[in-house]
Amino acid sequence: MLLLCAACKSASNPSANATSASATAPVASASAEPSVVGSTSASADPLAPAPIATRENVGPYEAVMLPERNVWYALPRAEGEHRLIATLHGQCGSPSYACGTWIDAGTERGFMVCPTGNEHCTSPIGPPMWDESFQLMERDLERGISVAQSRVRARDAGAFSRDDEVLVGYSRGGWAAIEIVSYHPGRWPYLILIEADVTIKKAYLDACKVRAVAMVAGEHGTELPGEQKSVDALKAAGFPAEIFVMPNTAHLYSANMDDVMRQALAFVLAH
C-alpha cells in the first residue's frame, strides 16, 4: 500500500470519495494489439516506425493494459518533446474524450498516455469510470504508462522522459491527481486540474515538489468559483498558479479545448 509523505499528508486532505461526474463518451473497443483509434484500414501496421521530426500520424493508439481495459496513447509531433503527459479521466467519460479532445495541444508537448478506469458507468458496456481508491488509480496509471512505453519502443518512436512530466486530472481524475502527486514527491512537477474544485495550499505543493499548477474550469460550471479561490490563494503565497476558463460550457469540454490546454501546458512548463 502506498503511503503519503508526512509533509504532503499534513498540508492537505483532499477527499478520496469525490465523485464529480465527467462527460459521457463512447469507449473504443479493446484489442490484443494496439490500433489506431478510429482507423478503418485493415492493412495499416500500428508498429510501423515514423520519424519523430516529420511525424504526421501521432495516433491515437490503444493497447491492452488489463483484461477489458486499454490504455490510450499518442506520439509527440516534434523531435525533442519526449516528456510524458499522463491524464486520468473522470466518471462516465472515456480517454478518447478526456484526452483525445485536446490531442493536438498534447502531442505538441510530448507523449500522451491515458489509462482506462476500472469500472463501467450505467452498464457493463457503458463508458468507463473509476470505482477504486486513489492508491489503486495510481497503480493503474503506472501500469498504463508501462504498457504504452513498451508499445512506443516497439514502434521505434523514441521513449518517454520521466523528467518534467505533466499529470492531468479531469473531474474525479483531478481529485485523484492532487493526491497522487504526494505519493512520490518530485515525480509529477507539473499539474493540471480540470473541473476539480480541490483546495490546495502552497505548503502541500512545495512538499510534493510540484513546480506549477494550472486549473481549468467551465465558464458556466460549479467548479469555477472554488478553483479561482485556490488559484488566488496560491498566487498570493507566491506559488506559480493560473486558471484557464473553458468558454460557453459547464462540466463538458469547450469547443476550443485544444487552445485552452495549449495555454495551460505552456503556463506550467514555463516554470
C-alpha atoms as a PDB file:
ATOM      1  CA  MET A   1       0.000   0.000   0.000  1.00  0.00           C
ATOM      2  CA  LEU A   2       1.389   3.396  -0.955  1.00  0.00           C
ATOM      3  CA  LEU A   3       1.674   5.968   1.816  1.00  0.00           C
ATOM      4  CA  LEU A   4       1.522   9.726   1.588  1.00  0.00           C
ATOM      5  CA  CYS A   5       4.670  11.578   2.569  1.00  0.00           C
ATOM      6  CA  ALA A   6       4.126  13.070   6.032  1.00  0.00           C
ATOM      7  CA  ALA A   7       4.560  16.660   4.908  1.00  0.00           C
ATOM      8  CA  CYS A   8       2.176  16.248   1.986  1.00  0.00           C
ATOM      9  CA  LYS A   9      -0.431  14.473   4.081  1.00  0.00           C
ATOM     10  CA  SER A  10      -0.461  17.128   6.773  1.00  0.00           C
ATOM     11  CA  ALA A  11      -0.612  20.036   4.346  1.00  0.00           C
ATOM     12  CA  SER A  12      -3.784  18.968   2.542  1.00  0.00           C
ATOM     13  CA  ASN A  13      -6.563  16.433   2.839  1.00  0.00           C
ATOM     14  CA  PRO A  14      -8.383  16.034  -0.499  1.00  0.00           C
ATOM     15  CA  SER A  15     -11.448  13.812  -0.282  1.00  0.00           C
ATOM     16  CA  ALA A  16     -10.834  10.308  -1.565  1.00  0.00           C
ATOM     17  CA  ASN A  17     -14.513   9.856  -2.238  1.00  0.00           C
ATOM     18  CA  ALA A  18     -15.128  12.809  -4.564  1.00  0.00           C
ATOM     19  CA  THR A  19     -17.259  11.604  -7.467  1.00  0.00           C
ATOM     20  CA  SER A  20     -17.872  14.607  -9.689  1.00  0.00           C
ATOM     21  CA  ALA A  21     -19.237  13.308 -12.997  1.00  0.00           C
ATOM     22  CA  SER A  22     -17.478  13.918 -16.295  1.00  0.00           C
ATOM     23  CA  ALA A  23     -18.718  13.886 -19.875  1.00  0.00           C
ATOM     24  CA  THR A  24     -20.112  10.789 -21.481  1.00  0.00           C
ATOM     25  CA  ALA A  25     -18.159   9.474 -24.453  1.00  0.00           C
ATOM     26  CA  PRO A  26     -18.036   6.189 -26.361  1.00  0.00           C
ATOM     27  CA  VAL A  27     -15.476   3.576 -25.408  1.00  0.00           C
ATOM     28  CA  ALA A  28     -13.089   2.333 -28.078  1.00  0.00           C
ATOM     29  CA  SER A  29     -13.067  -1.437 -28.399  1.00  0.00           C
ATOM     30  CA  ALA A  30     -10.284  -3.416 -26.770  1.00  0.00           C
ATOM     31  CA  SER A  31      -7.728  -5.184 -28.894  1.00  0.00           C
ATOM     32  CA  ALA A  32      -4.877  -7.562 -28.128  1.00  0.00           C
ATOM     33  CA  GLU A  33      -2.634  -5.381 -30.247  1.00  0.00           C
ATOM     34  CA  PRO A  34      -2.527  -1.588 -30.342  1.00  0.00           C
ATOM     35  CA  SER A  35      -4.522   0.026 -33.097  1.00  0.00           C
ATOM     36  CA  VAL A  36      -5.089   3.482 -34.447  1.00  0.00           C
ATOM     37  CA  VAL A  37      -8.292   4.682 -32.815  1.00  0.00           C
ATOM     38  CA  GLY A  38     -10.896   5.264 -35.492  1.00  0.00           C
ATOM     39  CA  SER A  39      -8.796   3.692 -38.237  1.00  0.00           C
ATOM     40  CA  THR A  40     -10.671   1.613 -40.817  1.00  0.00           C
ATOM     41  CA  SER A  41      -7.636   0.380 -42.718  1.00  0.00           C
ATOM     42  CA  ALA A  42      -7.127  -3.348 -42.144  1.00  0.00           C
ATOM     43  CA  SER A  43      -3.693  -3.163 -43.764  1.00  0.00           C
ATOM     44  CA  ALA A  44      -2.333  -0.404 -41.507  1.00  0.00           C
ATOM     45  CA  ASP A  45       0.646  -1.555 -39.451  1.00  0.00           C
ATOM     46  CA  PRO A  46       0.363   0.046 -35.990  1.00  0.00           C
ATOM     47  CA  LEU A  47       4.031  -0.713 -35.316  1.00  0.00           C
ATOM     48  CA  ALA A  48       5.340   0.968 -38.464  1.00  0.00           C
ATOM     49  CA  PRO A  49       8.131   3.378 -37.452  1.00  0.00           C
ATOM     50  CA  ALA A  50       7.581   7.065 -38.004  1.00  0.00           C
ATOM     51  CA  PRO A  51      10.389   9.646 -37.779  1.00  0.00           C
ATOM     52  CA  ILE A  52       9.723  11.986 -34.875  1.00  0.00           C
ATOM     53  CA  ALA A  53      10.853  15.085 -36.747  1.00  0.00           C
ATOM     54  CA  THR A  54       8.290  14.599 -39.508  1.00  0.00           C
ATOM     55  CA  ARG A  55       5.596  12.516 -37.802  1.00  0.00           C
ATOM     56  CA  GLU A  56       2.115  13.186 -39.115  1.00  0.00           C
ATOM     57  CA  ASN A  57       0.275  10.195 -37.692  1.00  0.00           C
ATOM     58  CA  VAL A  58       0.590  10.695 -33.952  1.00  0.00           C
ATOM     59  CA  GLY A  59      -2.292   8.311 -33.353  1.00  0.00           C
ATOM     60  CA  PRO A  60      -4.059   7.922 -31.111  1.00  0.00           C
ATOM     61  CA  TYR A  61      -3.400   4.255 -30.448  1.00  0.00           C
ATOM     62  CA  GLU A  62      -4.670   1.762 -27.901  1.00  0.00           C
ATOM     63  CA  ALA A  63      -3.070  -1.270 -26.280  1.00  0.00           C
ATOM     64  CA  VAL A  64      -4.364  -3.778 -23.754  1.00  0.00           C
ATOM     65  CA  MET A  65      -3.494  -2.714 -20.210  1.00  0.00           C
ATOM     66  CA  LEU A  66      -5.566  -5.312 -18.346  1.00  0.00           C
ATOM     67  CA  PRO A  67      -8.363  -7.662 -19.459  1.00  0.00           C
ATOM     68  CA  GLU A  68     -11.096  -5.489 -20.980  1.00  0.00           C
ATOM     69  CA  ARG A  69      -9.128  -2.341 -20.171  1.00  0.00           C
ATOM     70  CA  ASN A  70      -6.999  -0.429 -22.659  1.00  0.00           C
ATOM     71  CA  VAL A  71      -4.501   2.367 -22.382  1.00  0.00           C
ATOM     72  CA  TRP A  72      -4.898   5.216 -24.891  1.00  0.00           C
ATOM     73  CA  TYR A  73      -1.709   6.922 -26.070  1.00  0.00           C
ATOM     74  CA  ALA A  74      -0.425   9.314 -28.715  1.00  0.00           C
ATOM     75  CA  LEU A  75       3.037  10.183 -30.034  1.00  0.00           C
ATOM     76  CA  PRO A  76       4.711  13.603 -29.989  1.00  0.00           C
ATOM     77  CA  ARG A  77       4.744  15.612 -33.189  1.00  0.00           C
ATOM     78  CA  ALA A  78       8.129  17.251 -32.715  1.00  0.00           C
ATOM     79  CA  GLU A  79      11.602  15.889 -32.092  1.00  0.00           C
ATOM     80  CA  GLY A  80      12.836  16.616 -28.595  1.00  0.00           C
ATOM     81  CA  GLU A  81       9.404  16.683 -26.959  1.00  0.00           C
ATOM     82  CA  HIS A  82       9.713  13.406 -25.090  1.00  0.00           C
ATOM     83  CA  ARG A  83       8.085  14.338 -21.797  1.00  0.00           C
ATOM     84  CA  LEU A  84       5.179  12.295 -20.550  1.00  0.00           C
ATOM     85  CA  ILE A  85       1.735  13.902 -20.295  1.00  0.00           C
ATOM     86  CA  ALA A  86      -0.456  11.470 -18.356  1.00  0.00           C
ATOM     87  CA  THR A  87      -4.181  12.009 -17.831  1.00  0.00           C
ATOM     88  CA  LEU A  88      -6.767  10.459 -15.536  1.00  0.00           C
ATOM     89  CA  HIS A  89     -10.267  10.732 -16.989  1.00  0.00           C
ATOM     90  CA  GLY A  90     -13.413  11.310 -14.932  1.00  0.00           C
ATOM     91  CA  GLN A  91     -16.634   9.395 -14.384  1.00  0.00           C
ATOM     92  CA  CYS A  92     -18.571   8.159 -17.410  1.00  0.00           C
ATOM     93  CA  GLY A  93     -16.111   9.512 -19.966  1.00  0.00           C
ATOM     94  CA  SER A  94     -13.510   7.589 -21.951  1.00  0.00           C
ATOM     95  CA  PRO A  95      -9.872   8.518 -22.608  1.00  0.00           C
ATOM     96  CA  SER A  96     -10.831   9.214 -26.227  1.00  0.00           C
ATOM     97  CA  TYR A  97     -12.838  12.163 -24.886  1.00  0.00           C
ATOM     98  CA  ALA A  98     -10.823  13.203 -21.837  1.00  0.00           C
ATOM     99  CA  CYS A  99      -7.546  13.139 -23.805  1.00  0.00           C
ATOM    100  CA  GLY A 100      -8.481  12.932 -27.462  1.00  0.00           C
ATOM    101  CA  THR A 101     -10.318  16.260 -27.433  1.00  0.00           C
ATOM    102  CA  TRP A 102      -7.002  18.114 -26.979  1.00  0.00           C
ATOM    103  CA  ILE A 103      -4.663  15.717 -28.788  1.00  0.00           C
ATOM    104  CA  ASP A 104      -3.136  18.476 -30.924  1.00  0.00           C
ATOM    105  CA  ALA A 105      -2.084  20.532 -27.898  1.00  0.00           C
ATOM    106  CA  GLY A 106      -0.849  17.458 -26.058  1.00  0.00           C
ATOM    107  CA  THR A 107       1.233  15.964 -28.858  1.00  0.00           C
ATOM    108  CA  GLU A 108       2.899  19.325 -29.439  1.00  0.00           C
ATOM    109  CA  ARG A 109       4.419  18.889 -25.969  1.00  0.00           C
ATOM    110  CA  GLY A 110       5.111  15.170 -25.629  1.00  0.00           C
ATOM    111  CA  PHE A 111       3.730  11.643 -25.338  1.00  0.00           C
ATOM    112  CA  MET A 112       0.129  11.438 -24.139  1.00  0.00           C
ATOM    113  CA  VAL A 113      -0.932   8.448 -22.032  1.00  0.00           C
ATOM    114  CA  CYS A 114      -4.446   7.908 -20.670  1.00  0.00           C
ATOM    115  CA  PRO A 115      -5.391   4.673 -18.870  1.00  0.00           C
ATOM    116  CA  THR A 116      -8.978   3.425 -18.755  1.00  0.00           C
ATOM    117  CA  GLY A 117     -10.897   3.266 -15.476  1.00  0.00           C
ATOM    118  CA  ASN A 118     -11.633   0.007 -13.662  1.00  0.00           C
ATOM    119  CA  GLU A 119     -15.436   0.004 -13.987  1.00  0.00           C
ATOM    120  CA  HIS A 120     -18.183   0.986 -16.429  1.00  0.00           C
ATOM    121  CA  CYS A 121     -20.833   3.630 -15.978  1.00  0.00           C
ATOM    122  CA  THR A 122     -24.509   2.560 -16.127  1.00  0.00           C
ATOM    123  CA  SER A 123     -23.913  -0.838 -17.753  1.00  0.00           C
ATOM    124  CA  PRO A 124     -21.210  -3.463 -18.407  1.00  0.00           C
ATOM    125  CA  ILE A 125     -20.562  -1.889 -21.804  1.00  0.00           C
ATOM    126  CA  GLY A 126     -21.047   1.754 -20.878  1.00  0.00           C
ATOM    127  CA  PRO A 127     -18.294   4.382 -20.759  1.00  0.00           C
ATOM    128  CA  PRO A 128     -15.570   3.839 -18.164  1.00  0.00           C
ATOM    129  CA  MET A 129     -15.405   5.207 -14.642  1.00  0.00           C
ATOM    130  CA  TRP A 130     -13.225   4.881 -11.559  1.00  0.00           C
ATOM    131  CA  ASP A 131     -14.510   2.791  -8.667  1.00  0.00           C
ATOM    132  CA  GLU A 132     -11.329   2.238  -6.713  1.00  0.00           C
ATOM    133  CA  SER A 133      -9.114   4.091  -4.254  1.00  0.00           C
ATOM    134  CA  PHE A 134      -6.697   6.781  -5.373  1.00  0.00           C
ATOM    135  CA  GLN A 135      -3.832   4.428  -4.445  1.00  0.00           C
ATOM    136  CA  LEU A 136      -5.184   1.839  -6.886  1.00  0.00           C
ATOM    137  CA  MET A 137      -5.767   4.523  -9.519  1.00  0.00           C
ATOM    138  CA  GLU A 138      -2.091   5.443  -9.202  1.00  0.00           C
ATOM    139  CA  ARG A 139      -1.123   1.798  -9.630  1.00  0.00           C
ATOM    140  CA  ASP A 140      -3.253   1.574 -12.779  1.00  0.00           C
ATOM    141  CA  LEU A 141      -1.775   4.830 -14.055  1.00  0.00           C
ATOM    142  CA  GLU A 142       1.750   3.447 -13.768  1.00  0.00           C
ATOM    143  CA  ARG A 143       0.655   0.159 -15.347  1.00  0.00           C
ATOM    144  CA  GLY A 144      -0.804   2.041 -18.309  1.00  0.00           C
ATOM    145  CA  ILE A 145       2.348   4.111 -18.671  1.00  0.00           C
ATOM    146  CA  SER A 146       4.481   0.955 -18.697  1.00  0.00           C
ATOM    147  CA  VAL A 147       2.338  -0.702 -21.377  1.00  0.00           C
ATOM    148  CA  ALA A 148       2.319   2.403 -23.561  1.00  0.00           C
ATOM    149  CA  GLN A 149       6.080   2.766 -23.173  1.00  0.00           C
ATOM    150  CA  SER A 150       6.631  -0.790 -24.381  1.00  0.00           C
ATOM    151  CA  ARG A 151       4.496  -0.154 -27.475  1.00  0.00           C
ATOM    152  CA  VAL A 152       6.298   3.111 -28.205  1.00  0.00           C
ATOM    153  CA  ARG A 153       9.654   1.319 -28.070  1.00  0.00           C
ATOM    154  CA  ALA A 154       8.336  -1.416 -30.369  1.00  0.00           C
ATOM    155  CA  ARG A 155       7.255   1.295 -32.779  1.00  0.00           C
ATOM    156  CA  ASP A 156      10.786   2.749 -32.716  1.00  0.00           C
ATOM    157  CA  ALA A 157       9.269   6.123 -31.873  1.00  0.00           C
ATOM    158  CA  GLY A 158      11.684   7.097 -29.116  1.00  0.00           C
ATOM    159  CA  ALA A 159      10.994   6.799 -25.419  1.00  0.00           C
ATOM    160  CA  PHE A 160       9.218   8.728 -22.712  1.00  0.00           C
ATOM    161  CA  SER A 161      11.173  11.030 -20.490  1.00  0.00           C
ATOM    162  CA  ARG A 162      10.030  10.815 -16.874  1.00  0.00           C
ATOM    163  CA  ASP A 163      11.614  14.206 -16.265  1.00  0.00           C
ATOM    164  CA  ASP A 164       9.441  17.333 -16.373  1.00  0.00           C
ATOM    165  CA  GLU A 165       6.324  15.221 -16.808  1.00  0.00           C
ATOM    166  CA  VAL A 166       2.787  16.535 -16.520  1.00  0.00           C
ATOM    167  CA  LEU A 167      -0.111  14.964 -14.624  1.00  0.00           C
ATOM    168  CA  VAL A 168      -3.591  15.967 -15.790  1.00  0.00           C
ATOM    169  CA  GLY A 169      -6.791  15.064 -13.976  1.00  0.00           C
ATOM    170  CA  TYR A 170     -10.325  15.641 -15.224  1.00  0.00           C
ATOM    171  CA  SER A 171     -13.166  15.696 -12.678  1.00  0.00           C
ATOM    172  CA  ARG A 172     -12.653  12.679 -10.356  1.00  0.00           C
ATOM    173  CA  GLY A 173      -9.323  12.223 -12.093  1.00  0.00           C
ATOM    174  CA  GLY A 174      -8.398  15.684 -10.793  1.00  0.00           C
ATOM    175  CA  TRP A 175      -9.229  14.732  -7.210  1.00  0.00           C
ATOM    176  CA  ALA A 176      -7.031  11.672  -7.628  1.00  0.00           C
ATOM    177  CA  ALA A 177      -4.205  13.633  -9.250  1.00  0.00           C
ATOM    178  CA  ILE A 178      -3.839  16.090  -6.367  1.00  0.00           C
ATOM    179  CA  GLU A 179      -3.306  13.148  -4.007  1.00  0.00           C
ATOM    180  CA  ILE A 180      -1.143  11.096  -6.367  1.00  0.00           C
ATOM    181  CA  VAL A 181       1.491  13.846  -6.547  1.00  0.00           C
ATOM    182  CA  SER A 182       2.129  13.197  -2.846  1.00  0.00           C
ATOM    183  CA  TYR A 183       2.987   9.508  -3.234  1.00  0.00           C
ATOM    184  CA  HIS A 184       6.356  10.155  -4.902  1.00  0.00           C
ATOM    185  CA  PRO A 185       7.326  13.811  -4.354  1.00  0.00           C
ATOM    186  CA  GLY A 186       9.017  15.211  -7.452  1.00  0.00           C
ATOM    187  CA  ARG A 187       7.693  12.597  -9.884  1.00  0.00           C
ATOM    188  CA  TRP A 188       4.981  14.966 -11.178  1.00  0.00           C
ATOM    189  CA  PRO A 189       6.385  18.522 -11.178  1.00  0.00           C
ATOM    190  CA  TYR A 190       3.558  19.924 -13.305  1.00  0.00           C
ATOM    191  CA  LEU A 191      -0.119  19.580 -12.512  1.00  0.00           C
ATOM    192  CA  ILE A 192      -3.245  20.473 -14.498  1.00  0.00           C
ATOM    193  CA  LEU A 193      -6.623  20.018 -12.808  1.00  0.00           C
ATOM    194  CA  ILE A 194      -9.750  20.213 -14.989  1.00  0.00           C
ATOM    195  CA  GLU A 195     -13.189  20.717 -13.456  1.00  0.00           C
ATOM    196  CA  ALA A 196     -11.967  19.685  -9.998  1.00  0.00           C
ATOM    197  CA  ASP A 197     -12.579  22.182  -7.197  1.00  0.00           C
ATOM    198  CA  VAL A 198      -9.897  20.891  -4.848  1.00  0.00           C
ATOM    199  CA  THR A 199      -8.474  23.100  -2.104  1.00  0.00           C
ATOM    200  CA  ILE A 200      -4.705  23.110  -2.355  1.00  0.00           C
ATOM    201  CA  LYS A 201      -2.070  25.066  -0.483  1.00  0.00           C
ATOM    202  CA  LYS A 202       1.468  26.138  -1.249  1.00  0.00           C
ATOM    203  CA  ALA A 203       2.907  24.091   1.635  1.00  0.00           C
ATOM    204  CA  TYR A 204       1.368  20.930   0.214  1.00  0.00           C
ATOM    205  CA  LEU A 205       2.621  21.573  -3.324  1.00  0.00           C
ATOM    206  CA  ASP A 206       6.105  22.501  -2.081  1.00  0.00           C
ATOM    207  CA  ALA A 207       6.310  19.309  -0.027  1.00  0.00           C
ATOM    208  CA  CYS A 208       5.238  17.274  -3.055  1.00  0.00           C
ATOM    209  CA  LYS A 209       7.772  19.134  -5.226  1.00  0.00           C
ATOM    210  CA  VAL A 210       5.173  20.421  -7.651  1.00  0.00           C
ATOM    211  CA  ARG A 211       6.536  23.437  -9.529  1.00  0.00           C
ATOM    212  CA  ALA A 212       3.388  24.870 -11.116  1.00  0.00           C
ATOM    213  CA  VAL A 213      -0.358  24.288 -11.231  1.00  0.00           C
ATOM    214  CA  ALA A 214      -2.969  25.162 -13.841  1.00  0.00           C
ATOM    215  CA  MET A 215      -6.663  24.829 -13.049  1.00  0.00           C
ATOM    216  CA  VAL A 216      -9.271  24.633 -15.811  1.00  0.00           C
ATOM    217  CA  ALA A 217     -12.988  25.238 -15.308  1.00  0.00           C
ATOM    218  CA  GLY A 218     -16.128  25.731 -17.365  1.00  0.00           C
ATOM    219  CA  GLU A 219     -17.442  29.270 -17.607  1.00  0.00           C
ATOM    220  CA  HIS A 220     -20.936  28.186 -16.525  1.00  0.00           C
ATOM    221  CA  GLY A 221     -19.980  25.301 -14.245  1.00  0.00           C
ATOM    222  CA  THR A 222     -19.944  24.842 -10.488  1.00  0.00           C
ATOM    223  CA  GLU A 223     -16.173  24.387 -10.174  1.00  0.00           C
ATOM    224  CA  LEU A 224     -15.030  27.824 -11.333  1.00  0.00           C
ATOM    225  CA  PRO A 225     -15.511  29.837  -8.095  1.00  0.00           C
ATOM    226  CA  GLY A 226     -13.631  27.324  -5.941  1.00  0.00           C
ATOM    227  CA  GLU A 227     -10.846  26.879  -8.450  1.00  0.00           C
ATOM    228  CA  GLN A 228     -10.462  30.657  -8.729  1.00  0.00           C
ATOM    229  CA  LYS A 229     -10.227  30.893  -4.937  1.00  0.00           C
ATOM    230  CA  SER A 230      -7.480  28.264  -4.805  1.00  0.00           C
ATOM    231  CA  VAL A 231      -5.519  29.904  -7.608  1.00  0.00           C
ATOM    232  CA  ASP A 232      -5.800  33.349  -5.994  1.00  0.00           C
ATOM    233  CA  ALA A 233      -4.543  31.967  -2.676  1.00  0.00           C
ATOM    234  CA  LEU A 234      -1.610  30.228  -4.353  1.00  0.00           C
ATOM    235  CA  LYS A 235      -0.673  33.377  -6.243  1.00  0.00           C
ATOM    236  CA  ALA A 236      -0.837  35.412  -3.038  1.00  0.00           C
ATOM    237  CA  ALA A 237       1.536  32.917  -1.431  1.00  0.00           C
ATOM    238  CA  GLY A 238       3.964  33.267  -4.338  1.00  0.00           C
ATOM    239  CA  PHE A 239       3.280  29.908  -5.975  1.00  0.00           C
ATOM    240  CA  PRO A 240       3.017  29.673  -9.808  1.00  0.00           C
ATOM    241  CA  ALA A 241      -0.668  29.026 -10.482  1.00  0.00           C
ATOM    242  CA  GLU A 242      -3.184  30.138 -13.088  1.00  0.00           C
ATOM    243  CA  ILE A 243      -6.773  29.457 -14.023  1.00  0.00           C
ATOM    244  CA  PHE A 244      -7.999  28.889 -17.575  1.00  0.00           C
ATOM    245  CA  VAL A 245     -11.692  29.164 -18.393  1.00  0.00           C
ATOM    246  CA  MET A 246     -13.467  26.986 -20.930  1.00  0.00           C
ATOM    247  CA  PRO A 247     -15.977  29.355 -22.570  1.00  0.00           C
ATOM    248  CA  ASN A 248     -19.668  28.636 -23.068  1.00  0.00           C
ATOM    249  CA  THR A 249     -19.703  25.354 -21.175  1.00  0.00           C
ATOM    250  CA  ALA A 250     -20.145  23.893 -17.713  1.00  0.00           C
ATOM    251  CA  HIS A 251     -18.604  20.493 -16.937  1.00  0.00           C
ATOM    252  CA  LEU A 252     -18.077  19.409 -20.547  1.00  0.00           C
ATOM    253  CA  TYR A 253     -15.077  20.494 -22.583  1.00  0.00           C
ATOM    254  CA  SER A 254     -15.400  23.677 -24.601  1.00  0.00           C
ATOM    255  CA  ALA A 255     -15.230  23.729 -28.392  1.00  0.00           C
ATOM    256  CA  ASN A 256     -11.750  25.290 -28.168  1.00  0.00           C
ATOM    257  CA  MET A 257     -10.314  22.764 -25.702  1.00  0.00           C
ATOM    258  CA  ASP A 258      -7.128  22.405 -27.732  1.00  0.00           C
ATOM    259  CA  ASP A 259      -6.454  26.135 -27.282  1.00  0.00           C
ATOM    260  CA  VAL A 260      -7.321  26.031 -23.576  1.00  0.00           C
ATOM    261  CA  MET A 261      -4.954  23.136 -22.936  1.00  0.00           C
ATOM    262  CA  ARG A 262      -2.267  24.646 -25.135  1.00  0.00           C
ATOM    263  CA  GLN A 263      -2.289  27.683 -22.844  1.00  0.00           C
ATOM    264  CA  ALA A 264      -2.402  25.588 -19.673  1.00  0.00           C
ATOM    265  CA  LEU A 265       0.530  23.435 -20.795  1.00  0.00           C
ATOM    266  CA  ALA A 266       2.538  26.479 -21.809  1.00  0.00           C
ATOM    267  CA  PHE A 267       1.968  28.034 -18.399  1.00  0.00           C
ATOM    268  CA  VAL A 268       3.061  25.106 -16.251  1.00  0.00           C
ATOM    269  CA  LEU A 269       6.018  24.177 -18.462  1.00  0.00           C
ATOM    270  CA  ALA A 270       7.328  27.763 -18.248  1.00  0.00           C
ATOM    271  CA  HIS A 271       8.158  27.003 -14.626  1.00  0.00           C
END
